[in-house]
Every structure is written in structure tokens, then in C-alpha cells.
Amino acid sequence: MGVALQYRVAIVGGGYAGFTLARELDPHVDVTLIEAREAFVMTPATPRVSVEPALLDRIVIPYDRLLKRGRVVRGRATVVDEGGVLLADGTRVEAEAIVVATGSQYAAPFKPQDDSIAAFKEALLNASRQIAESDNVVIVGTGAVGVELAGEIKTAYPGKSVTLVGDQPQLFPMYTERLHQKLAKRLAAIGVTLRLNCPVSGLKQTNAPFEGEVTLKDGTVLSGLIVPAIGARVVSSPAHDLPGTRPQPNGQLAVDAWLRPSSLPNIFVMGDLAATGDGMTVVTTAKHVPWLKKTLLALADGKSIESLPPYKGWRIPPILVPLGPKLGVSVFPLGTHGTTFGDWVTSKIKGKNQFIPRYQKEFNR
């Protein structure tokens, strides 16, 4: 067995970033993926599943066929150090390099709230029933989840009243106004009422949908099924306890030029946990994974990290915002300010099937 094949990499977290890196490294090094849940969840597809619950089992994929050489260990990491990872049950996974990719949290039913896949499924099915039974749906939050959910509900249930409320003056203000204008036009065309620059009060809970009402800053009271789509936050991880870390206000960890968050030279972070400026989206992995793969393989080959190219993030992070299977707007990092694409491109890439066939294939299903 070659030296590289004996090089051990432990990856903490089996979300998009973690599982993709594990899969890419699997033929080349000795990979252990550590994940507390029994299955992977395609969280960006949850707005679609909320109106098409028959898809639920397609977005929950067991890890058992993911790796051919490496292994997936089910457990919760409690300590990370230079030598490896300690799990809650006392198991220790030794490694030459450790990557922490514990991701972020979000309101139910759009992400699991704990390690239970059964509880996640129940929450999503409950929300689907609530949406089906409600005449008025008020979505609070105009990030990707809120905007996509509004489009999904109005497409599946054209007769329902759907109001999308956000506290920002435009949709996705980190992008050019063209994205906002195109999305706002499409939302209006399908009958979604868009209320921007409208902070709300009266949210009795922010972690799950509820029947009730909210009050906008102008005094308007909206009632019906209130769906919070706010509050994305980084999950606290063992990496936060490493020496010399610099947590950011949103919980992300500042990193050096090689995605290292601490003074320990062989521990890396990626995905939502890493404060790279790439945003907390799945497309972040499209930069993190290939760079880390190349870097870790070079380390396995005996090279020093200082001799390797530093990480370079997105100039303009791509974003795809479908409004149901056929409509939507996307931005790709082409040109000075990015290039905006409309319905056909967005539907072809994401809207039509939400990447479900792709990830089923990546998990060898």
C-alpha cells in the first residue's frame, strides 16, 4: 500500500461539504467520515418536499453505500485535536489530518433539529399538512428558503394566499438589483404578495410553523399559517474549542489562507463553518471540496502546506433560486457583477428535480 493510501483523514460532519470531500478522497487516502445522523438530508430540497411530500424518502439517503474504501462512523464528535477525533461514546478516530464540516442550523422543517431522522421526517410531513390545509400562508424571511417556499406553495396551490415578508429593502441585497427585480416580477406574476423592509413582531416561535398572526412595522396584522424562514446559524462544533480560534458574530470561524481555524497545523474547517466570505450555501462546497482535496493529497504526498496555493473563494458566489419546477432566477460568476439567468436555466439545473437524481447517484443508490 502506498504512503498516500495510508494517510488518514477524519472528516467531522456528513452534510454536503463533508460527504462530498469524503467521497472525493475515498480512492486516494484512508478516509473516516464521522456523522451523528443515520442518513444524509438534502435540505435545500425541503421547500419542494413541503408541497410534494411523496419526495420525502428520496431526499433522505443512508450513508451505507457512500464510501468504497473508507468508512462512515455514526457518532457525535466531542473533541478534536492534532491526533484525531474523540466521540461521545469514548471511541477515538486517529488521523493525520482532520476536517470539521459541522454545518449550520435552521428552523424546522427545513433542517433536522437534532440527530433524529424520524423527527425530521415527522416535522416536514406536519408542515406539509399544515400548508395543504391553510388558506393563508405568511412566510417570514426572504432568504433562499423563504423565497423558494413561496414559489413552491403558489405553484402547487394557486388558490392560496401567500405573503412573503422580509426586513431588507430588496431580495438578496448582496447581489445586484437585477436579481431582486427578476425575482420580484416572477413572484408577483404567480400571485405572491411581497412585503419588503417590514420587520415583524409577534413571532411566538421561530423554530417551526404555527397558526397565528404577526404584526408588520406599519401596523398591518397578517394571520394564517406563519412559517418562520429565518435564523440560519452555525452549529457549535469541537473546532470552536481549539486554541487560537476566532469565532465571528455569526458563529463561523475565521481561517488562515489554508482554511485552518487555529494554531494546530493539521486541522481544517469547511462549508458553513468556515468564514471565507463564500456564503452559507451548498455552492460553497464547489470551491472548498476541490481545494481541500488537492491540498490534502499533496500533504499525504509529503509536501508542506506553506508550499501549496492558498484557498481562493468565490468572486461572486453562484445562486439558484427556483420558484417551483419551471420558474426561477440564477446568478453565475460571469462578468464583472455576475450574469443573471432566468427560468429555463434555473429549471434545467435545479428547479425541475432539485438535484435529487444527482445526489441519489452520488450515494450509489
Protein backbone atom coordinates (compact mmCIF):
# COMPACT_ATOMS: atom_id res chain seq x y z
CA MET A 1 0.00 0.00 0.00
CA GLY A 2 1.35 3.43 -0.96
CA VAL A 3 2.09 6.17 1.54
CA ALA A 4 -0.90 8.25 0.39
CA LEU A 5 -3.29 5.33 0.81
CA GLN A 6 -2.15 5.02 4.43
CA TYR A 7 -2.63 8.74 5.12
CA ARG A 8 -5.62 9.05 7.45
CA VAL A 9 -8.19 11.83 7.09
CA ALA A 10 -11.04 12.21 9.58
CA ILE A 11 -13.97 14.34 8.45
CA VAL A 12 -16.43 15.51 11.10
CA GLY A 13 -19.87 16.12 9.63
CA GLY A 14 -21.63 14.35 6.78
CA GLY A 15 -23.53 17.26 5.25
CA TYR A 16 -22.91 18.49 1.72
CA ALA A 17 -19.34 19.63 2.36
CA GLY A 18 -18.28 16.66 4.47
CA PHE A 19 -19.77 13.84 2.43
CA THR A 20 -18.55 15.30 -0.87
CA LEU A 21 -14.98 15.63 0.38
CA ALA A 22 -15.08 12.10 1.81
CA ARG A 23 -16.32 10.72 -1.49
CA GLU A 24 -13.64 12.59 -3.46
CA LEU A 25 -10.82 11.45 -1.16
CA ASP A 26 -12.00 7.85 -0.82
CA PRO A 27 -9.97 6.35 -3.69
CA HIS A 28 -6.77 8.08 -2.59
CA VAL A 29 -6.40 8.09 1.22
CA ASP A 30 -7.77 6.36 4.33
CA VAL A 31 -11.00 8.30 4.99
CA THR A 32 -13.25 8.19 8.03
CA LEU A 33 -16.46 10.23 7.89
CA ILE A 34 -17.96 10.90 11.32
CA GLU A 35 -21.69 11.72 11.36
CA ALA A 36 -24.27 11.61 14.14
CA ARG A 37 -27.27 11.00 11.87
CA GLU A 38 -28.10 7.73 10.18
CA ALA A 39 -28.77 9.38 6.83
CA PHE A 40 -27.93 12.40 4.72
CA VAL A 41 -30.67 15.00 4.24
CA MET A 42 -30.96 17.08 1.08
CA THR A 43 -32.02 20.18 3.00
CA PRO A 44 -32.25 22.60 0.02
CA ALA A 45 -35.00 20.39 -1.41
CA THR A 46 -37.24 20.74 1.66
CA PRO A 47 -39.33 23.62 0.22
CA ARG A 48 -40.26 21.32 -2.69
CA VAL A 49 -41.00 18.41 -0.37
CA SER A 50 -43.24 20.63 1.75
CA VAL A 51 -45.69 20.64 -1.17
CA GLU A 52 -44.72 17.24 -2.63
CA PRO A 53 -44.36 15.01 0.46
CA ALA A 54 -44.08 11.90 -1.71
CA LEU A 55 -40.49 13.00 -2.38
CA LEU A 56 -39.51 12.82 1.29
CA ASP A 57 -37.83 9.43 1.20
CA ARG A 58 -35.87 10.48 -1.89
CA ILE A 59 -34.13 13.33 -0.04
CA VAL A 60 -33.12 11.19 2.96
CA ILE A 61 -30.26 8.94 1.86
CA PRO A 62 -28.42 6.40 4.06
CA TYR A 63 -24.63 6.63 4.19
CA ASP A 64 -24.02 2.89 3.87
CA ARG A 65 -23.06 2.91 0.18
CA LEU A 66 -21.20 6.23 0.10
CA LEU A 67 -17.59 5.04 0.51
CA LYS A 68 -15.92 2.03 -1.08
CA ARG A 69 -12.57 2.06 0.77
CA GLY A 70 -13.21 4.31 3.73
CA ARG A 71 -15.80 4.07 6.48
CA VAL A 72 -18.64 6.07 7.94
CA VAL A 73 -18.73 6.10 11.74
CA ARG A 74 -22.01 7.07 13.33
CA GLY A 75 -21.33 9.17 16.40
CA ARG A 76 -21.05 12.69 17.73
CA ALA A 77 -17.59 14.23 17.88
CA THR A 78 -16.84 15.94 21.18
CA VAL A 79 -13.11 16.72 20.96
CA VAL A 80 -10.80 17.40 18.04
CA ASP A 81 -7.02 17.56 18.47
CA GLU A 82 -3.87 17.14 16.40
CA GLY A 83 -4.06 13.37 16.66
CA GLY A 84 -7.69 12.78 15.76
CA VAL A 85 -11.27 12.91 17.00
CA LEU A 86 -12.89 11.73 20.23
CA LEU A 87 -16.54 10.66 20.05
CA ALA A 88 -19.19 10.93 22.76
CA ASP A 89 -19.15 7.15 23.33
CA GLY A 90 -15.40 7.19 24.01
CA THR A 91 -14.35 5.94 20.58
CA ARG A 92 -11.28 7.64 19.19
CA VAL A 93 -10.54 8.06 15.49
CA GLU A 94 -6.86 8.69 14.80
CA ALA A 95 -5.86 10.76 11.79
CA GLU A 96 -3.04 12.73 10.23
CA ALA A 97 -5.47 15.42 9.06
CA ILE A 98 -8.85 16.43 10.46
CA VAL A 99 -11.54 18.40 8.63
CA VAL A 100 -14.51 19.79 10.56
CA ALA A 101 -17.64 20.41 8.49
CA THR A 102 -20.47 20.54 11.02
CA GLY A 103 -22.60 22.99 9.05
CA SER A 104 -25.43 25.25 10.14
CA GLN A 105 -28.86 25.07 11.74
CA TYR A 106 -32.20 26.41 10.55
CA ALA A 107 -35.85 26.43 11.54
CA ALA A 108 -37.91 23.26 11.20
CA PRO A 109 -38.89 21.67 8.95
CA PHE A 110 -36.14 22.85 6.61
CA LYS A 111 -33.29 21.23 8.52
CA PRO A 112 -33.16 18.49 11.16
CA GLN A 113 -33.27 19.93 14.66
CA ASP A 114 -31.32 17.07 16.24
CA ASP A 115 -29.82 13.70 15.31
CA SER A 116 -33.20 12.02 14.72
CA ILE A 117 -34.13 11.42 11.09
CA ALA A 118 -37.56 10.21 12.21
CA ALA A 119 -38.22 13.53 13.96
CA PHE A 120 -37.10 15.45 10.87
CA LYS A 121 -39.46 13.45 8.66
CA GLU A 122 -42.35 13.97 11.06
CA ALA A 123 -41.74 17.73 11.20
CA LEU A 124 -41.64 18.04 7.41
CA LEU A 125 -44.79 15.96 6.94
CA ASN A 126 -46.58 18.01 9.60
CA ALA A 127 -45.59 21.23 7.84
CA SER A 128 -46.75 19.80 4.53
CA ARG A 129 -50.17 19.04 6.04
CA GLN A 130 -50.36 22.50 7.61
CA ILE A 131 -49.60 24.14 4.27
CA ALA A 132 -52.16 21.99 2.46
CA GLU A 133 -54.88 22.85 4.99
CA SER A 134 -54.23 26.58 5.33
CA ASP A 135 -55.86 29.21 3.10
CA ASN A 136 -53.38 31.92 4.12
CA VAL A 137 -49.63 31.35 4.42
CA VAL A 138 -47.29 34.04 5.73
CA ILE A 139 -43.58 33.33 5.22
CA VAL A 140 -41.26 35.40 7.40
CA GLY A 141 -37.80 35.62 5.86
CA THR A 142 -36.64 36.41 2.34
CA GLY A 143 -33.54 34.28 2.07
CA ALA A 144 -33.38 31.35 -0.33
CA VAL A 145 -35.65 29.13 1.78
CA GLY A 146 -38.38 31.75 2.16
CA VAL A 147 -38.37 32.84 -1.47
CA GLU A 148 -38.30 29.28 -2.83
CA LEU A 149 -41.02 28.18 -0.43
CA ALA A 150 -43.29 31.00 -1.59
CA GLY A 151 -42.80 29.89 -5.18
CA GLU A 152 -43.40 26.23 -4.36
CA ILE A 153 -46.62 26.88 -2.44
CA LYS A 154 -48.08 29.21 -5.05
CA THR A 155 -47.20 26.77 -7.84
CA ALA A 156 -48.72 23.78 -6.06
CA TYR A 157 -51.70 25.68 -4.62
CA PRO A 158 -52.51 28.66 -6.89
CA GLY A 159 -55.64 29.49 -4.89
CA LYS A 160 -53.86 30.05 -1.59
CA SER A 161 -52.91 33.48 -0.32
CA VAL A 162 -49.12 33.60 0.11
CA THR A 163 -47.36 36.60 1.64
CA LEU A 164 -43.57 36.81 1.81
CA VAL A 165 -42.24 39.23 4.42
CA GLY A 166 -38.66 40.43 4.83
CA ASP A 167 -36.86 43.14 6.77
CA GLN A 168 -34.43 44.01 3.95
CA PRO A 169 -35.29 46.59 1.24
CA GLN A 170 -34.63 44.08 -1.54
CA LEU A 171 -34.25 40.36 -2.11
CA PHE A 172 -30.68 39.09 -1.82
CA PRO A 173 -29.09 42.53 -1.30
CA MET A 174 -25.60 41.07 -1.57
CA TYR A 175 -26.23 40.66 -5.31
CA THR A 176 -27.06 43.22 -7.98
CA GLU A 177 -30.56 44.66 -8.05
CA ARG A 178 -31.23 42.75 -11.26
CA LEU A 179 -31.67 39.51 -9.30
CA HIS A 180 -34.16 41.21 -6.99
CA GLN A 181 -36.12 42.73 -9.86
CA LYS A 182 -36.44 39.48 -11.77
CA LEU A 183 -37.49 37.52 -8.69
CA ALA A 184 -39.97 40.18 -7.57
CA LYS A 185 -41.52 40.23 -11.04
CA ARG A 186 -41.96 36.46 -11.10
CA LEU A 187 -43.34 36.34 -7.56
CA ALA A 188 -45.90 38.98 -8.45
CA ALA A 189 -46.84 37.12 -11.63
CA ILE A 190 -47.73 33.96 -9.72
CA GLY A 191 -49.62 35.90 -7.06
CA VAL A 192 -47.20 36.10 -4.13
CA THR A 193 -47.59 39.29 -2.08
CA LEU A 194 -44.10 40.63 -1.31
CA ARG A 195 -43.65 42.89 1.72
CA LEU A 196 -40.07 44.15 2.00
CA ASN A 197 -38.41 46.45 4.53
CA CYS A 198 -41.01 45.19 7.00
CA PRO A 199 -39.65 43.86 10.30
CA VAL A 200 -42.27 41.78 12.11
CA SER A 201 -43.28 41.47 15.74
CA GLY A 202 -45.39 38.83 17.40
CA LEU A 203 -43.46 35.78 16.27
CA LYS A 204 -44.38 33.45 19.10
CA GLN A 205 -41.78 30.97 17.86
CA THR A 206 -39.05 30.99 15.25
CA ASN A 207 -38.21 27.31 15.02
CA ALA A 208 -41.36 25.88 13.36
CA PRO A 209 -44.58 26.91 11.56
CA PHE A 210 -47.59 27.90 13.66
CA GLU A 211 -51.16 29.15 13.26
CA GLY A 212 -51.37 32.72 14.47
CA GLU A 213 -50.57 36.25 13.45
CA VAL A 214 -47.70 38.69 13.10
CA THR A 215 -47.62 42.47 13.04
CA LEU A 216 -45.61 44.44 10.49
CA LYS A 217 -43.82 47.69 11.35
CA ASP A 218 -46.61 49.72 9.70
CA GLY A 219 -49.18 48.10 11.97
CA THR A 220 -50.56 45.65 9.42
CA VAL A 221 -51.60 42.36 11.03
CA LEU A 222 -51.18 39.19 8.96
CA SER A 223 -52.80 35.97 10.11
CA GLY A 224 -52.82 32.37 8.99
CA LEU A 225 -50.08 29.77 8.91
CA ILE A 226 -46.92 31.62 9.91
CA VAL A 227 -43.78 29.96 8.54
CA PRO A 228 -40.50 31.29 10.00
CA ALA A 229 -37.74 31.07 7.40
CA ILE A 230 -35.10 32.95 9.36
CA GLY A 231 -32.25 32.39 11.74
CA ALA A 232 -29.60 30.40 9.93
CA ARG A 233 -26.83 29.86 12.47
CA VAL A 234 -23.60 27.92 12.60
CA VAL A 235 -23.67 24.74 14.65
CA SER A 236 -21.32 24.79 17.63
CA SER A 237 -18.57 22.29 16.93
CA PRO A 238 -15.46 20.84 18.58
CA ALA A 239 -13.45 23.18 16.36
CA HIS A 240 -14.71 26.14 18.39
CA ASP A 241 -12.72 24.80 21.37
CA LEU A 242 -9.38 24.69 19.57
CA PRO A 243 -6.57 27.01 20.72
CA GLY A 244 -6.40 30.36 18.97
CA THR A 245 -9.76 30.24 17.22
CA ARG A 246 -11.53 33.49 16.34
CA PRO A 247 -15.30 32.96 16.26
CA GLN A 248 -17.22 35.51 14.20
CA PRO A 249 -20.52 37.10 15.30
CA ASN A 250 -22.46 34.58 13.21
CA GLY A 251 -20.60 31.63 14.74
CA GLN A 252 -18.31 30.96 11.81
CA LEU A 253 -14.60 30.52 12.49
CA ALA A 254 -12.01 32.81 10.95
CA VAL A 255 -9.48 30.84 8.93
CA ASP A 256 -5.98 31.35 7.60
CA ALA A 257 -5.04 31.09 3.94
CA TRP A 258 -5.34 27.29 4.12
CA LEU A 259 -8.73 27.04 5.87
CA ARG A 260 -7.19 26.39 9.28
CA PRO A 261 -9.04 27.96 12.23
CA SER A 262 -6.48 27.53 14.99
CA SER A 263 -2.82 27.20 15.84
CA LEU A 264 -2.96 23.46 15.13
CA PRO A 265 -1.50 22.94 11.66
CA ASN A 266 -3.39 19.82 10.54
CA ILE A 267 -6.99 20.79 11.41
CA PHE A 268 -9.16 22.39 8.75
CA VAL A 269 -12.74 23.67 8.58
CA MET A 270 -15.02 23.91 5.57
CA GLY A 271 -18.57 24.61 4.47
CA ASP A 272 -20.79 26.85 6.59
CA LEU A 273 -18.33 26.69 9.50
CA ALA A 274 -15.53 28.48 7.63
CA ALA A 275 -15.61 32.29 7.44
CA THR A 276 -14.37 32.52 3.86
CA GLY A 277 -16.89 35.07 2.60
CA ASP A 278 -18.41 32.48 0.28
CA GLY A 279 -21.79 32.46 1.99
CA MET A 280 -23.61 29.68 3.81
CA THR A 281 -24.94 27.77 0.82
CA VAL A 282 -24.38 24.43 -0.83
CA VAL A 283 -22.48 26.08 -3.69
CA THR A 284 -19.72 26.90 -1.21
CA THR A 285 -18.71 23.25 -1.38
CA ALA A 286 -17.99 23.64 -5.07
CA LYS A 287 -14.93 25.67 -4.06
CA HIS A 288 -13.99 24.14 -0.71
CA VAL A 289 -14.05 20.49 -1.77
CA PRO A 290 -11.68 20.56 -4.77
CA TRP A 291 -9.24 22.84 -2.98
CA LEU A 292 -9.15 20.68 0.15
CA LYS A 293 -8.91 17.50 -1.89
CA LYS A 294 -5.88 18.81 -3.77
CA THR A 295 -4.30 20.17 -0.59
CA LEU A 296 -4.79 17.01 1.48
CA LEU A 297 -3.46 14.79 -1.28
CA ALA A 298 -0.37 16.98 -1.50
CA LEU A 299 0.09 16.71 2.27
CA ALA A 300 -0.29 12.94 2.00
CA ASP A 301 2.47 13.03 -0.60
CA GLY A 302 4.80 14.72 1.88
CA LYS A 303 4.55 18.33 0.76
CA SER A 304 4.43 21.21 3.25
CA ILE A 305 1.25 23.23 3.33
CA GLU A 306 3.14 26.51 3.02
CA SER A 307 4.36 25.37 -0.41
CA LEU A 308 0.78 24.89 -1.62
CA PRO A 309 -1.55 27.50 -3.15
CA PRO A 310 -3.82 29.19 -0.59
CA TYR A 311 -7.59 28.94 -0.80
CA LYS A 312 -9.28 31.41 -3.13
CA GLY A 313 -13.01 31.83 -2.68
CA TRP A 314 -15.82 32.86 -4.97
CA ARG A 315 -15.56 36.31 -6.51
CA ILE A 316 -19.34 36.22 -6.85
CA PRO A 317 -20.95 33.13 -5.29
CA PRO A 318 -23.41 31.43 -7.65
CA ILE A 319 -27.03 31.29 -6.55
CA LEU A 320 -30.00 29.41 -7.99
CA VAL A 321 -33.49 30.39 -6.81
CA PRO A 322 -36.24 28.26 -8.35
CA LEU A 323 -39.88 29.27 -7.85
CA GLY A 324 -41.36 25.85 -8.40
CA PRO A 325 -40.28 23.44 -11.15
CA LYS A 326 -40.47 25.86 -14.09
CA LEU A 327 -39.71 29.39 -12.90
CA GLY A 328 -36.74 31.00 -11.20
CA VAL A 329 -33.67 33.20 -11.43
CA SER A 330 -29.98 32.38 -11.07
CA VAL A 331 -26.70 34.28 -10.92
CA PHE A 332 -23.37 32.84 -12.02
CA PRO A 333 -19.90 34.42 -11.59
CA LEU A 334 -19.56 35.59 -15.18
CA GLY A 335 -18.63 39.17 -16.00
CA THR A 336 -17.89 41.99 -13.59
CA HIS A 337 -21.02 41.74 -11.46
CA GLY A 338 -22.19 38.24 -12.32
CA THR A 339 -24.62 37.21 -15.03
CA THR A 340 -28.30 36.66 -14.35
CA PHE A 341 -30.23 33.80 -15.95
CA GLY A 342 -33.95 33.13 -15.94
CA ASP A 343 -36.48 30.35 -15.95
CA TRP A 344 -35.03 27.86 -18.43
CA VAL A 345 -31.53 27.74 -16.96
CA THR A 346 -32.77 27.71 -13.36
CA SER A 347 -35.29 24.97 -14.08
CA LYS A 348 -32.82 22.88 -16.06
CA ILE A 349 -30.12 22.99 -13.39
CA LYS A 350 -32.13 22.90 -10.16
CA GLY A 351 -35.83 23.67 -10.33
CA LYS A 352 -37.00 20.65 -12.28
CA ASN A 353 -35.69 17.96 -9.93
CA GLN A 354 -33.89 19.76 -7.07
CA PHE A 355 -30.68 17.75 -7.74
CA ILE A 356 -32.38 14.67 -6.28
CA PRO A 357 -31.21 12.24 -9.02
CA ARG A 358 -27.68 13.62 -8.79
CA TYR A 359 -27.32 13.03 -5.06
CA GLN A 360 -29.02 9.65 -5.22
CA LYS A 361 -26.32 8.68 -7.70
CA GLU A 362 -23.51 10.14 -5.59
CA PHE A 363 -24.63 7.95 -2.69
CA ASN A 364 -24.67 4.95 -5.04
CA ARG A 365 -28.40 4.37 -4.72
